[in-house]
């Protein structure tokens, strides 16, 4: 995971049956992008910032009974980490929403 100025990038590799698959995600202040190494298409979710809802209840999240190992280090920010790849065509799911839902 990489963080900088409210942005996040997460790169995950999964090994299954001897094959490695990567999934990637970038979150900026206006959108979330997600794509897989094995595909030329990805997903985009556009959004706008909102104030936290004091009445909202948290669902899901990290399991407090599970152990996690995080090692944080400082880094020289590489802006390309927060730019979706030009080789992937992103479908904006915001445009596919049904009105009234």
Protein backbone atom coordinates (compact mmCIF):
# COMPACT_ATOMS: atom_id res chain seq x y z
CA UNK A 1 0.00 0.00 0.00
CA UNK A 2 1.11 3.50 -0.79
CA UNK A 3 -0.36 6.66 0.74
CA UNK A 4 0.17 10.31 -0.16
CA UNK A 5 -1.96 13.43 0.34
CA UNK A 6 -5.18 11.50 0.97
CA UNK A 7 -4.61 9.11 -1.94
CA UNK A 8 -4.07 5.37 -1.73
CA UNK A 9 -2.67 2.68 -3.99
CA UNK A 10 -2.93 -1.01 -3.18
CA UNK A 11 -1.25 -3.78 -5.20
CA UNK A 12 -2.06 -7.37 -4.24
CA UNK A 13 -0.66 -10.59 -5.72
CA UNK A 14 -2.39 -13.94 -5.43
CA UNK A 15 -0.77 -17.28 -6.25
CA UNK A 16 -3.20 -20.02 -7.23
CA UNK A 17 -2.31 -23.29 -8.93
CA UNK A 18 1.19 -21.93 -9.60
CA UNK A 19 -0.06 -18.83 -11.44
CA UNK A 20 0.32 -15.31 -10.04
CA UNK A 21 -2.51 -12.82 -10.51
CA UNK A 22 -2.28 -9.17 -9.53
CA UNK A 23 -5.12 -6.86 -8.59
CA UNK A 24 -4.59 -3.13 -8.26
CA UNK A 25 -6.56 -0.25 -6.79
CA UNK A 26 -6.09 3.50 -6.75
CA UNK A 27 -8.26 5.82 -4.66
CA UNK A 28 -8.07 9.57 -5.28
CA UNK A 29 -10.27 12.37 -3.97
CA UNK A 30 -12.71 11.87 -6.88
CA UNK A 31 -12.62 8.21 -7.93
CA UNK A 32 -11.59 4.64 -7.26
CA UNK A 33 -9.96 2.54 -10.00
CA UNK A 34 -9.59 -1.24 -9.93
CA UNK A 35 -7.99 -3.61 -12.45
CA UNK A 36 -6.38 -7.04 -12.81
CA UNK A 37 -3.06 -7.85 -14.50
CA UNK A 38 -4.76 -10.43 -16.70
CA UNK A 39 -7.37 -8.03 -18.13
CA UNK A 40 -7.28 -4.95 -20.34
CA UNK A 41 -10.46 -3.57 -18.77
CA UNK A 42 -10.98 -2.16 -15.30
CA UNK A 43 -13.62 -0.47 -13.20
CA UNK A 44 -13.97 3.14 -12.13
CA UNK A 45 -16.23 4.39 -9.35
CA UNK A 46 -16.56 8.18 -9.36
CA UNK A 47 -17.61 9.90 -6.14
CA UNK A 48 -17.53 13.21 -4.35
CA UNK A 49 -16.30 13.85 -0.86
CA UNK A 50 -18.98 14.03 1.81
CA UNK A 51 -18.90 14.80 5.48
CA UNK A 52 -18.97 11.75 7.76
CA UNK A 53 -22.44 10.77 8.91
CA UNK A 54 -22.55 10.73 12.71
CA UNK A 55 -25.50 8.30 12.59
CA UNK A 56 -23.76 5.81 10.28
CA UNK A 57 -22.81 2.44 11.68
CA UNK A 58 -19.64 0.73 10.57
CA UNK A 59 -20.05 -2.62 8.88
CA UNK A 60 -17.25 -4.98 7.97
CA UNK A 61 -13.67 -3.82 8.35
CA UNK A 62 -10.72 -5.53 9.95
CA UNK A 63 -11.21 -8.40 12.36
CA UNK A 64 -10.02 -7.17 15.77
CA UNK A 65 -9.23 -10.74 16.84
CA UNK A 66 -6.89 -11.33 13.88
CA UNK A 67 -3.16 -10.49 13.86
CA UNK A 68 -1.84 -8.17 11.15
CA UNK A 69 1.71 -7.27 10.20
CA UNK A 70 2.22 -3.77 8.84
CA UNK A 71 5.58 -2.11 8.32
CA UNK A 72 5.32 1.55 7.40
CA UNK A 73 8.24 3.45 5.95
CA UNK A 74 8.53 6.90 4.44
CA UNK A 75 9.04 7.19 0.68
CA UNK A 76 9.67 9.73 -2.02
CA UNK A 77 6.25 10.06 -3.64
CA UNK A 78 6.06 8.83 -7.22
CA UNK A 79 3.00 10.51 -8.77
CA UNK A 80 2.73 7.73 -11.38
CA UNK A 81 1.59 5.39 -8.59
CA UNK A 82 -1.65 7.38 -8.37
CA UNK A 83 -2.29 7.58 -12.12
CA UNK A 84 -4.43 4.80 -13.64
CA UNK A 85 -2.55 2.95 -16.41
CA UNK A 86 -3.21 4.12 -19.97
CA UNK A 87 -3.14 0.48 -21.14
CA UNK A 88 -6.36 -0.31 -19.24
CA UNK A 89 -9.82 0.79 -20.41
CA UNK A 90 -11.92 1.76 -17.39
CA UNK A 91 -15.72 1.45 -17.32
CA UNK A 92 -17.22 4.16 -15.12
CA UNK A 93 -19.86 2.34 -13.09
CA UNK A 94 -21.27 5.68 -11.96
CA UNK A 95 -22.61 6.12 -15.50
CA UNK A 96 -24.39 2.74 -15.34
CA UNK A 97 -26.52 3.49 -12.27
CA UNK A 98 -30.27 3.23 -12.69
CA UNK A 99 -32.05 6.56 -11.92
CA UNK A 100 -34.03 6.48 -8.69
CA UNK A 101 -31.96 3.76 -7.07
